[in-house]
Amino acid sequence: MLTVPPKVTPRAFERLAEIGAAAQGKALRIAVEGGGCSGFQYQIDLDAPGDDDLVLEAEGERVVIDSVSLPFLADAVIDFSEELIGARFVIENPNATSSCGCGTSFSL
């Protein structure tokens, strides 16, 4: 099955540069795990890349996704959002049929 990799916005890479992730030898890891109020949930951490990770890179900053999570994130957009309620990395996932109010949990 051909999987269209997710896209990362320039704003997300800019935020990683502000955090200094690359200087720490880390990347933004996006993973999908079972659980959450809608069935699946996103796990977002700073972590070192693994051998089986897809690495998306721009200007030295990296976003990594493990091979198990990749099909759940096909054609998704990873962005950084600053709103009145706070700032966070967000995932616009066209594969999700529903999601919870906070946006960290979804179903297919």
PDB file of N, CA and C in Angstrom:
ATOM      1  N   MET A   1       0.843  -1.179   0.000  1.00  0.00           N
ATOM      2  CA  MET A   1       0.000   0.000   0.000  1.00  0.00           C
ATOM      3  C   MET A   1       0.890   1.244   0.000  1.00  0.00           C
ATOM      4  N   LEU A   2       0.639   2.139  -0.927  1.00  0.00           N
ATOM      5  CA  LEU A   2       1.385   3.385  -1.017  1.00  0.00           C
ATOM      6  C   LEU A   2       0.838   4.373  -0.003  1.00  0.00           C
ATOM      7  N   THR A   3       1.699   4.924   0.813  1.00  0.00           N
ATOM      8  CA  THR A   3       1.291   5.882   1.840  1.00  0.00           C
ATOM      9  C   THR A   3       1.872   7.244   1.499  1.00  0.00           C
ATOM     10  N   VAL A   4       1.002   8.243   1.425  1.00  0.00           N
ATOM     11  CA  VAL A   4       1.457   9.611   1.184  1.00  0.00           C
ATOM     12  C   VAL A   4       1.964  10.157   2.511  1.00  0.00           C
ATOM     13  N   PRO A   5       3.223  10.536   2.591  1.00  0.00           N
ATOM     14  CA  PRO A   5       3.754  11.005   3.876  1.00  0.00           C
ATOM     15  C   PRO A   5       3.091  12.310   4.314  1.00  0.00           C
ATOM     16  N   PRO A   6       3.064  12.547   5.609  1.00  0.00           N
ATOM     17  CA  PRO A   6       2.526  13.808   6.107  1.00  0.00           C
ATOM     18  C   PRO A   6       3.397  14.982   5.667  1.00  0.00           C
ATOM     19  N   LYS A   7       2.826  16.153   5.738  1.00  0.00           N
ATOM     20  CA  LYS A   7       3.554  17.385   5.436  1.00  0.00           C
ATOM     21  C   LYS A   7       3.744  18.154   6.745  1.00  0.00           C
ATOM     22  N   VAL A   8       4.841  18.864   6.835  1.00  0.00           N
ATOM     23  CA  VAL A   8       5.123  19.691   8.007  1.00  0.00           C
ATOM     24  C   VAL A   8       5.200  21.132   7.532  1.00  0.00           C
ATOM     25  N   THR A   9       4.471  22.013   8.195  1.00  0.00           N
ATOM     26  CA  THR A   9       4.459  23.421   7.783  1.00  0.00           C
ATOM     27  C   THR A   9       5.749  24.120   8.200  1.00  0.00           C
ATOM     28  N   PRO A  10       6.089  25.181   7.483  1.00  0.00           N
ATOM     29  CA  PRO A  10       7.253  25.981   7.896  1.00  0.00           C
ATOM     30  C   PRO A  10       7.112  26.495   9.326  1.00  0.00           C
ATOM     31  N   ARG A  11       5.900  26.836   9.737  1.00  0.00           N
ATOM     32  CA  ARG A  11       5.672  27.340  11.107  1.00  0.00           C
ATOM     33  C   ARG A  11       6.052  26.279  12.140  1.00  0.00           C
ATOM     34  N   ALA A  12       5.758  25.002  11.872  1.00  0.00           N
ATOM     35  CA  ALA A  12       6.130  23.936  12.807  1.00  0.00           C
ATOM     36  C   ALA A  12       7.652  23.800  12.889  1.00  0.00           C
ATOM     37  N   PHE A  13       8.332  23.846  11.732  1.00  0.00           N
ATOM     38  CA  PHE A  13       9.791  23.776  11.746  1.00  0.00           C
ATOM     39  C   PHE A  13      10.393  24.995  12.448  1.00  0.00           C
ATOM     40  N   GLU A  14       9.812  26.175  12.262  1.00  0.00           N
ATOM     41  CA  GLU A  14      10.302  27.373  12.947  1.00  0.00           C
ATOM     42  C   GLU A  14      10.204  27.224  14.460  1.00  0.00           C
ATOM     43  N   ARG A  15       9.100  26.643  14.931  1.00  0.00           N
ATOM     44  CA  ARG A  15       8.923  26.445  16.379  1.00  0.00           C
ATOM     45  C   ARG A  15       9.955  25.464  16.907  1.00  0.00           C
ATOM     46  N   LEU A  16      10.249  24.407  16.152  1.00  0.00           N
ATOM     47  CA  LEU A  16      11.287  23.457  16.568  1.00  0.00           C
ATOM     48  C   LEU A  16      12.635  24.154  16.686  1.00  0.00           C
ATOM     49  N   ALA A  17      12.919  25.070  15.767  1.00  0.00           N
ATOM     50  CA  ALA A  17      14.178  25.823  15.836  1.00  0.00           C
ATOM     51  C   ALA A  17      14.207  26.692  17.085  1.00  0.00           C
ATOM     52  N   GLU A  18      13.063  27.312  17.424  1.00  0.00           N
ATOM     53  CA  GLU A  18      12.993  28.133  18.636  1.00  0.00           C
ATOM     54  C   GLU A  18      13.226  27.295  19.885  1.00  0.00           C
ATOM     55  N   ILE A  19      12.710  26.085  19.886  1.00  0.00           N
ATOM     56  CA  ILE A  19      12.885  25.170  21.018  1.00  0.00           C
ATOM     57  C   ILE A  19      14.337  24.708  21.109  1.00  0.00           C
ATOM     58  N   GLY A  20      15.018  24.664  19.971  1.00  0.00           N
ATOM     59  CA  GLY A  20      16.398  24.186  19.934  1.00  0.00           C
ATOM     60  C   GLY A  20      16.485  22.676  19.897  1.00  0.00           C
ATOM     61  N   ALA A  21      15.504  22.038  19.273  1.00  0.00           N
ATOM     62  CA  ALA A  21      15.445  20.571  19.234  1.00  0.00           C
ATOM     63  C   ALA A  21      16.684  19.966  18.583  1.00  0.00           C
ATOM     64  N   ALA A  22      17.088  20.483  17.422  1.00  0.00           N
ATOM     65  CA  ALA A  22      18.244  19.921  16.716  1.00  0.00           C
ATOM     66  C   ALA A  22      19.516  20.075  17.532  1.00  0.00           C
ATOM     67  N   ALA A  23      19.652  21.190  18.228  1.00  0.00           N
ATOM     68  CA  ALA A  23      20.838  21.415  19.055  1.00  0.00           C
ATOM     69  C   ALA A  23      20.930  20.394  20.183  1.00  0.00           C
ATOM     70  N   GLN A  24      19.779  19.876  20.600  1.00  0.00           N
ATOM     71  CA  GLN A  24      19.737  18.850  21.644  1.00  0.00           C
ATOM     72  C   GLN A  24      19.851  17.439  21.067  1.00  0.00           C
ATOM     73  N   GLY A  25      19.974  17.336  19.720  1.00  0.00           N
ATOM     74  CA  GLY A  25      20.019  16.023  19.075  1.00  0.00           C
ATOM     75  C   GLY A  25      18.659  15.354  19.029  1.00  0.00           C
ATOM     76  N   LYS A  26      17.605  16.146  19.148  1.00  0.00           N
ATOM     77  CA  LYS A  26      16.246  15.606  19.195  1.00  0.00           C
ATOM     78  C   LYS A  26      15.453  16.037  17.971  1.00  0.00           C
ATOM     79  N   ALA A  27      14.330  15.358  17.791  1.00  0.00           N
ATOM     80  CA  ALA A  27      13.382  15.674  16.737  1.00  0.00           C
ATOM     81  C   ALA A  27      11.993  15.643  17.353  1.00  0.00           C
ATOM     82  N   LEU A  28      11.033  16.214  16.658  1.00  0.00           N
ATOM     83  CA  LEU A  28       9.655  16.141  17.105  1.00  0.00           C
ATOM     84  C   LEU A  28       9.109  14.792  16.667  1.00  0.00           C
ATOM     85  N   ARG A  29       8.771  13.943  17.630  1.00  0.00           N
ATOM     86  CA  ARG A  29       8.215  12.621  17.316  1.00  0.00           C
ATOM     87  C   ARG A  29       6.700  12.700  17.369  1.00  0.00           C
ATOM     88  N   ILE A  30       6.060  12.256  16.277  1.00  0.00           N
ATOM     89  CA  ILE A  30       4.609  12.143  16.200  1.00  0.00           C
ATOM     90  C   ILE A  30       4.298  10.653  16.128  1.00  0.00           C
ATOM     91  N   ALA A  31       3.493  10.166  17.056  1.00  0.00           N
ATOM     92  CA  ALA A  31       3.113   8.758  17.073  1.00  0.00           C
ATOM     93  C   ALA A  31       1.605   8.652  17.286  1.00  0.00           C
ATOM     94  N   VAL A  32       1.044   7.540  16.868  1.00  0.00           N
ATOM     95  CA  VAL A  32      -0.370   7.246  17.088  1.00  0.00           C
ATOM     96  C   VAL A  32      -0.432   6.022  17.994  1.00  0.00           C
ATOM     97  N   GLU A  33      -1.209   6.146  19.068  1.00  0.00           N
ATOM     98  CA  GLU A  33      -1.358   5.055  20.029  1.00  0.00           C
ATOM     99  C   GLU A  33      -2.837   4.766  20.236  1.00  0.00           C
ATOM    100  N   GLY A  34      -3.137   3.569  20.671  1.00  0.00           N
ATOM    101  CA  GLY A  34      -4.503   3.242  21.039  1.00  0.00           C
ATOM    102  C   GLY A  34      -4.879   3.963  22.318  1.00  0.00           C
ATOM    103  N   GLY A  35      -6.148   4.315  22.447  1.00  0.00           N
ATOM    104  CA  GLY A  35      -6.611   4.999  23.657  1.00  0.00           C
ATOM    105  C   GLY A  35      -7.221   6.335  23.333  1.00  0.00           C
ATOM    106  N   GLY A  36      -7.390   7.150  24.335  1.00  0.00           N
ATOM    107  CA  GLY A  36      -8.037   8.442  24.132  1.00  0.00           C
ATOM    108  C   GLY A  36      -9.537   8.272  24.066  1.00  0.00           C
ATOM    109  N   CYS A  37     -10.254   9.346  24.091  1.00  0.00           N
ATOM    110  CA  CYS A  37     -11.713   9.272  24.136  1.00  0.00           C
ATOM    111  C   CYS A  37     -12.321   8.907  22.788  1.00  0.00           C
ATOM    112  N   SER A  38     -11.542   8.950  21.691  1.00  0.00           N
ATOM    113  CA  SER A  38     -12.092   8.623  20.378  1.00  0.00           C
ATOM    114  C   SER A  38     -11.505   7.356  19.765  1.00  0.00           C
ATOM    115  N   GLY A  39     -10.645   6.646  20.467  1.00  0.00           N
ATOM    116  CA  GLY A  39     -10.096   5.389  19.957  1.00  0.00           C
ATOM    117  C   GLY A  39      -8.603   5.393  19.741  1.00  0.00           C
ATOM    118  N   PHE A  40      -8.078   6.449  19.142  1.00  0.00           N
ATOM    119  CA  PHE A  40      -6.644   6.612  18.942  1.00  0.00           C
ATOM    120  C   PHE A  40      -6.256   7.976  19.503  1.00  0.00           C
ATOM    121  N   GLN A  41      -4.979   8.108  19.858  1.00  0.00           N
ATOM    122  CA  GLN A  41      -4.518   9.411  20.326  1.00  0.00           C
ATOM    123  C   GLN A  41      -3.128   9.691  19.778  1.00  0.00           C
ATOM    124  N   TYR A  42      -2.850  10.976  19.602  1.00  0.00           N
ATOM    125  CA  TYR A  42      -1.535  11.406  19.147  1.00  0.00           C
ATOM    126  C   TYR A  42      -0.617  11.528  20.355  1.00  0.00           C
ATOM    127  N   GLN A  43       0.601  11.067  20.185  1.00  0.00           N
ATOM    128  CA  GLN A  43       1.649  11.254  21.178  1.00  0.00           C
ATOM    129  C   GLN A  43       2.693  12.144  20.526  1.00  0.00           C
ATOM    130  N   ILE A  44       2.975  13.292  21.125  1.00  0.00           N
ATOM    131  CA  ILE A  44       3.917  14.251  20.562  1.00  0.00           C
ATOM    132  C   ILE A  44       4.999  14.520  21.603  1.00  0.00           C
ATOM    133  N   ASP A  45       6.238  14.208  21.249  1.00  0.00           N
ATOM    134  CA  ASP A  45       7.370  14.356  22.163  1.00  0.00           C
ATOM    135  C   ASP A  45       8.604  14.812  21.399  1.00  0.00           C
ATOM    136  N   LEU A  46       9.604  15.258  22.122  1.00  0.00           N
ATOM    137  CA  LEU A  46      10.936  15.436  21.566  1.00  0.00           C
ATOM    138  C   LEU A  46      11.698  14.157  21.854  1.00  0.00           C
ATOM    139  N   ASP A  47      12.302  13.578  20.818  1.00  0.00           N
ATOM    140  CA  ASP A  47      12.934  12.270  20.959  1.00  0.00           C
ATOM    141  C   ASP A  47      14.027  12.136  19.893  1.00  0.00           C
ATOM    142  N   ALA A  48      14.939  11.225  20.112  1.00  0.00           N
ATOM    143  CA  ALA A  48      15.957  10.925  19.110  1.00  0.00           C
ATOM    144  C   ALA A  48      15.336  10.051  18.015  1.00  0.00           C
ATOM    145  N   PRO A  49      15.701  10.276  16.764  1.00  0.00           N
ATOM    146  CA  PRO A  49      15.172   9.445  15.679  1.00  0.00           C
ATOM    147  C   PRO A  49      15.611   7.993  15.826  1.00  0.00           C
ATOM    148  N   GLY A  50      14.720   7.082  15.413  1.00  0.00           N
ATOM    149  CA  GLY A  50      15.015   5.650  15.434  1.00  0.00           C
ATOM    150  C   GLY A  50      15.320   5.149  14.034  1.00  0.00           C
ATOM    151  N   ASP A  51      15.776   3.908  13.950  1.00  0.00           N
ATOM    152  CA  ASP A  51      16.174   3.331  12.667  1.00  0.00           C
ATOM    153  C   ASP A  51      15.028   3.183  11.677  1.00  0.00           C
ATOM    154  N   ASP A  52      13.811   2.905  12.160  1.00  0.00           N
ATOM    155  CA  ASP A  52      12.689   2.668  11.242  1.00  0.00           C
ATOM    156  C   ASP A  52      11.792   3.898  11.076  1.00  0.00           C
ATOM    157  N   ASP A  53      12.254   5.063  11.523  1.00  0.00           N
ATOM    158  CA  ASP A  53      11.455   6.283  11.438  1.00  0.00           C
ATOM    159  C   ASP A  53      11.513   6.916  10.054  1.00  0.00           C
ATOM    160  N   LEU A  54      10.391   7.496   9.653  1.00  0.00           N
ATOM    161  CA  LEU A  54      10.385   8.413   8.526  1.00  0.00           C
ATOM    162  C   LEU A  54      10.859   9.748   9.080  1.00  0.00           C
ATOM    163  N   VAL A  55      11.831  10.367   8.424  1.00  0.00           N
ATOM    164  CA  VAL A  55      12.373  11.646   8.885  1.00  0.00           C
ATOM    165  C   VAL A  55      11.990  12.726   7.877  1.00  0.00           C
ATOM    166  N   LEU A  56      11.265  13.729   8.352  1.00  0.00           N
ATOM    167  CA  LEU A  56      10.910  14.900   7.549  1.00  0.00           C
ATOM    168  C   LEU A  56      11.783  16.037   8.063  1.00  0.00           C
ATOM    169  N   GLU A  57      12.531  16.680   7.173  1.00  0.00           N
ATOM    170  CA  GLU A  57      13.546  17.634   7.623  1.00  0.00           C
ATOM    171  C   GLU A  57      13.505  18.922   6.819  1.00  0.00           C
ATOM    172  N   ALA A  58      13.745  20.041   7.507  1.00  0.00           N
ATOM    173  CA  ALA A  58      13.905  21.346   6.863  1.00  0.00           C
ATOM    174  C   ALA A  58      14.820  22.195   7.727  1.00  0.00           C
ATOM    175  N   GLU A  59      15.832  22.762   7.099  1.00  0.00           N
ATOM    176  CA  GLU A  59      16.779  23.662   7.762  1.00  0.00           C
ATOM    177  C   GLU A  59      17.348  23.088   9.055  1.00  0.00           C
ATOM    178  N   GLY A  60      17.650  21.787   9.034  1.00  0.00           N
ATOM    179  CA  GLY A  60      18.271  21.132  10.177  1.00  0.00           C
ATOM    180  C   GLY A  60      17.312  20.639  11.234  1.00  0.00           C
ATOM    181  N   GLU A  61      16.045  21.016  11.170  1.00  0.00           N
ATOM    182  CA  GLU A  61      15.042  20.558  12.135  1.00  0.00           C
ATOM    183  C   GLU A  61      14.351  19.319  11.569  1.00  0.00           C
ATOM    184  N   ARG A  62      13.970  18.406  12.461  1.00  0.00           N
ATOM    185  CA  ARG A  62      13.395  17.141  12.004  1.00  0.00           C
ATOM    186  C   ARG A  62      12.104  16.804  12.736  1.00  0.00           C
ATOM    187  N   VAL A  63      11.208  16.164  11.996  1.00  0.00           N
ATOM    188  CA  VAL A  63      10.001  15.540  12.539  1.00  0.00           C
ATOM    189  C   VAL A  63      10.111  14.074  12.171  1.00  0.00           C
ATOM    190  N   VAL A  64       9.896  13.185  13.149  1.00  0.00           N
ATOM    191  CA  VAL A  64      10.016  11.751  12.885  1.00  0.00           C
ATOM    192  C   VAL A  64       8.703  11.043  13.208  1.00  0.00           C
ATOM    193  N   ILE A  65       8.426  10.008  12.405  1.00  0.00           N
ATOM    194  CA  ILE A  65       7.218   9.215  12.576  1.00  0.00           C
ATOM    195  C   ILE A  65       7.608   7.754  12.427  1.00  0.00           C
ATOM    196  N   ASP A  66       7.221   6.925  13.391  1.00  0.00           N
ATOM    197  CA  ASP A  66       7.559   5.510  13.326  1.00  0.00           C
ATOM    198  C   ASP A  66       6.725   4.820  12.255  1.00  0.00           C
ATOM    199  N   SER A  67       7.196   3.675  11.795  1.00  0.00           N
ATOM    200  CA  SER A  67       6.556   2.968  10.683  1.00  0.00           C
ATOM    201  C   SER A  67       5.155   2.461  11.016  1.00  0.00           C
ATOM    202  N   VAL A  68       4.864   2.191  12.273  1.00  0.00           N
ATOM    203  CA  VAL A  68       3.528   1.729  12.669  1.00  0.00           C
ATOM    204  C   VAL A  68       2.524   2.886  12.604  1.00  0.00           C
ATOM    205  N   SER A  69       2.930   4.078  12.985  1.00  0.00           N
ATOM    206  CA  SER A  69       2.047   5.249  13.002  1.00  0.00           C
ATOM    207  C   SER A  69       1.834   5.850  11.620  1.00  0.00           C
ATOM    208  N   LEU A  70       2.770   5.629  10.713  1.00  0.00           N
ATOM    209  CA  LEU A  70       2.748   6.289   9.416  1.00  0.00           C
ATOM    210  C   LEU A  70       1.441   6.093   8.639  1.00  0.00           C
ATOM    211  N   PRO A  71       0.862   4.904   8.539  1.00  0.00           N
ATOM    212  CA  PRO A  71      -0.395   4.765   7.788  1.00  0.00           C
ATOM    213  C   PRO A  71      -1.546   5.590   8.376  1.00  0.00           C
ATOM    214  N   PHE A  72      -1.557   5.796   9.682  1.00  0.00           N
ATOM    215  CA  PHE A  72      -2.604   6.597  10.328  1.00  0.00           C
ATOM    216  C   PHE A  72      -2.455   8.088  10.022  1.00  0.00           C
ATOM    217  N   LEU A  73      -1.248   8.486   9.606  1.00  0.00           N
ATOM    218  CA  LEU A  73      -0.945   9.902   9.374  1.00  0.00           C
ATOM    219  C   LEU A  73      -0.750  10.232   7.902  1.00  0.00           C
ATOM    220  N   ALA A  74      -1.158   9.311   7.022  1.00  0.00           N
ATOM    221  CA  ALA A  74      -0.994   9.536   5.588  1.00  0.00           C
ATOM    222  C   ALA A  74      -1.686  10.822   5.173  1.00  0.00           C
ATOM    223  N   ASP A  75      -0.961  11.676   4.486  1.00  0.00           N
ATOM    224  CA  ASP A  75      -1.466  12.933   3.937  1.00  0.00           C
ATOM    225  C   ASP A  75      -1.904  13.950   4.999  1.00  0.00           C
ATOM    226  N   ALA A  76      -1.482  13.761   6.234  1.00  0.00           N
ATOM    227  CA  ALA A  76      -1.802  14.708   7.310  1.00  0.00           C
ATOM    228  C   ALA A  76      -0.888  15.938   7.209  1.00  0.00           C
ATOM    229  N   VAL A  77      -1.276  16.993   7.906  1.00  0.00           N
ATOM    230  CA  VAL A  77      -0.462  18.207   7.971  1.00  0.00           C
ATOM    231  C   VAL A  77      -0.133  18.466   9.440  1.00  0.00           C
ATOM    232  N   ILE A  78       1.157  18.602   9.726  1.00  0.00           N
ATOM    233  CA  ILE A  78       1.628  18.886  11.081  1.00  0.00           C
ATOM    234  C   ILE A  78       1.973  20.375  11.129  1.00  0.00           C
ATOM    235  N   ASP A  79       1.350  21.080  12.057  1.00  0.00           N
ATOM    236  CA  ASP A  79       1.494  22.531  12.132  1.00  0.00           C
ATOM    237  C   ASP A  79       1.715  22.934  13.583  1.00  0.00           C
ATOM    238  N   PHE A  80       1.996  24.201  13.794  1.00  0.00           N
ATOM    239  CA  PHE A  80       2.086  24.766  15.136  1.00  0.00           C
ATOM    240  C   PHE A  80       1.075  25.888  15.224  1.00  0.00           C
ATOM    241  N   SER A  81       0.287  25.894  16.287  1.00  0.00           N
ATOM    242  CA  SER A  81      -0.788  26.860  16.444  1.00  0.00           C
ATOM    243  C   SER A  81      -0.620  27.631  17.746  1.00  0.00           C
ATOM    244  N   GLU A  82      -0.817  28.935  17.665  1.00  0.00           N
ATOM    245  CA  GLU A  82      -0.825  29.788  18.854  1.00  0.00           C
ATOM    246  C   GLU A  82      -2.201  30.429  18.942  1.00  0.00           C
ATOM    247  N   GLU A  83      -2.929  30.118  20.018  1.00  0.00           N
ATOM    248  CA  GLU A  83      -4.275  30.639  20.223  1.00  0.00           C
ATOM    249  C   GLU A  83      -4.370  31.203  21.639  1.00  0.00           C
ATOM    250  N   LEU A  84      -5.484  31.789  21.953  1.00  0.00           N
ATOM    251  CA  LEU A  84      -5.691  32.323  23.301  1.00  0.00           C
ATOM    252  C   LEU A  84      -5.579  31.239  24.367  1.00  0.00           C
ATOM    253  N   ILE A  85      -5.992  30.009  24.030  1.00  0.00           N
ATOM    254  CA  ILE A  85      -5.962  28.929  25.017  1.00  0.00           C
ATOM    255  C   ILE A  85      -4.585  28.291  25.153  1.00  0.00           C
ATOM    256  N   GLY A  86      -3.658  28.645  24.275  1.00  0.00           N
ATOM    257  CA  GLY A  86      -2.308  28.113  24.379  1.00  0.00           C
ATOM    258  C   GLY A  86      -1.690  27.856  23.023  1.00  0.00           C
ATOM    259  N   ALA A  87      -0.455  27.439  23.044  1.00  0.00           N
ATOM    260  CA  ALA A  87       0.298  27.132  21.832  1.00  0.00           C
ATOM    261  C   ALA A  87       0.612  25.647  21.835  1.00  0.00           C
ATOM    262  N   ARG A  88       0.516  25.015  20.640  1.00  0.00           N
ATOM    263  CA  ARG A  88       0.765  23.577  20.566  1.00  0.00           C
ATOM    264  C   ARG A  88       0.958  23.141  19.126  1.00  0.00           C
ATOM    265  N   PHE A  89       1.572  21.991  18.961  1.00  0.00           N
ATOM    266  CA  PHE A  89       1.640  21.363  17.656  1.00  0.00           C
ATOM    267  C   PHE A  89       0.281  20.720  17.395  1.00  0.00           C
ATOM    268  N   VAL A  90      -0.234  20.878  16.187  1.00  0.00           N
ATOM    269  CA  VAL A  90      -1.535  20.325  15.827  1.00  0.00           C
ATOM    270  C   VAL A  90      -1.391  19.457  14.579  1.00  0.00           C
ATOM    271  N   ILE A  91      -2.292  18.500  14.457  1.00  0.00           N
ATOM    272  CA  ILE A  91      -2.278  17.594  13.319  1.00  0.00           C
ATOM    273  C   ILE A  91      -3.628  17.655  12.631  1.00  0.00           C
ATOM    274  N   GLU A  92      -3.617  18.046  11.378  1.00  0.00           N
ATOM    275  CA  GLU A  92      -4.816  18.019  10.548  1.00  0.00           C
ATOM    276  C   GLU A  92      -4.769  16.707   9.781  1.00  0.00           C
ATOM    277  N   ASN A  93      -5.613  15.765  10.185  1.00  0.00           N
ATOM    278  CA  ASN A  93      -5.553  14.412   9.663  1.00  0.00           C
ATOM    279  C   ASN A  93      -6.789  14.112   8.817  1.00  0.00           C
ATOM    280  N   PRO A  94      -6.637  13.987   7.495  1.00  0.00           N
ATOM    281  CA  PRO A  94      -7.788  13.703   6.639  1.00  0.00           C
ATOM    282  C   PRO A  94      -8.336  12.281   6.824  1.00  0.00           C
ATOM    283  N   ASN A  95      -7.595  11.421   7.498  1.00  0.00           N
ATOM    284  CA  ASN A  95      -8.041  10.049   7.738  1.00  0.00           C
ATOM    285  C   ASN A  95      -8.971   9.934   8.937  1.00  0.00           C
ATOM    286  N   ALA A  96      -8.987  10.939   9.803  1.00  0.00           N
ATOM    287  CA  ALA A  96      -9.818  10.903  11.011  1.00  0.00           C
ATOM    288  C   ALA A  96     -11.268  11.190  10.640  1.00  0.00           C
ATOM    289  N   THR A  97     -12.165  10.322  11.097  1.00  0.00           N
ATOM    290  CA  THR A  97     -13.588  10.541  10.834  1.00  0.00           C
ATOM    291  C   THR A  97     -14.228  11.358  11.937  1.00  0.00           C
ATOM    292  N   SER A  98     -13.629  11.370  13.111  1.00  0.00           N
ATOM    293  CA  SER A  98     -14.092  12.208  14.211  1.00  0.00           C
ATOM    294  C   SER A  98     -12.930  12.431  15.160  1.00  0.00           C
ATOM    295  N   SER A  99     -13.046  13.465  15.988  1.00  0.00           N
ATOM    296  CA  SER A  99     -11.999  13.736  16.968  1.00  0.00           C
ATOM    297  C   SER A  99     -12.631  14.346  18.201  1.00  0.00           C
ATOM    298  N   CYS A 100     -11.878  14.350  19.289  1.00  0.00           N
ATOM    299  CA  CYS A 100     -12.376  14.937  20.528  1.00  0.00           C
ATOM    300  C   CYS A 100     -12.194  16.453  20.472  1.00  0.00           C
ATOM    301  N   GLY A 101     -12.725  17.135  21.433  1.00  0.00           N
ATOM    302  CA  GLY A 101     -12.661  18.591  21.462  1.00  0.00           C
ATOM    303  C   GLY A 101     -11.262  19.159  21.551  1.00  0.00           C
ATOM    304  N   CYS A 102     -10.352  18.435  22.231  1.00  0.00           N
ATOM    305  CA  CYS A 102      -9.001  18.977  22.395  1.00  0.00           C
ATOM    306  C   CYS A 102      -8.104  18.671  21.201  1.00  0.00           C
ATOM    307  N   GLY A 103      -8.538  17.773  20.306  1.00  0.00           N
ATOM    308  CA  GLY A 103      -7.767  17.476  19.102  1.00  0.00           C
ATOM    309  C   GLY A 103      -6.648  16.483  19.272  1.00  0.00           C
ATOM    310  N   THR A 104      -6.534  15.844  20.436  1.00  0.00           N
ATOM    311  CA  THR A 104      -5.451  14.874  20.619  1.00  0.00           C
ATOM    312  C   THR A 104      -5.933  13.439  20.447  1.00  0.00           C
ATOM    313  N   SER A 105      -7.225  13.246  20.275  1.00  0.00           N
ATOM    314  CA  SER A 105      -7.797  11.913  20.135  1.00  0.00           C
ATOM    315  C   SER A 105      -8.661  11.887  18.876  1.00  0.00           C
ATOM    316  N   PHE A 106      -8.656  10.747  18.164  1.00  0.00           N
ATOM    317  CA  PHE A 106      -9.435  10.654  16.931  1.00  0.00           C
ATOM    318  C   PHE A 106      -9.858   9.222  16.666  1.00  0.00           C
ATOM    319  N   SER A 107     -10.776   9.049  15.732  1.00  0.00           N
ATOM    320  CA  SER A 107     -11.170   7.717  15.280  1.00  0.00           C
ATOM    321  C   SER A 107     -11.091   7.677  13.767  1.00  0.00           C
ATOM    322  N   LEU A 108     -11.008   6.458  13.236  1.00  0.00           N
ATOM    323  CA  LEU A 108     -10.929   6.271  11.796  1.00  0.00           C
ATOM    324  C   LEU A 108     -12.233   5.735  11.261  1.00  0.00           C
TER     325      LEU A 108
END
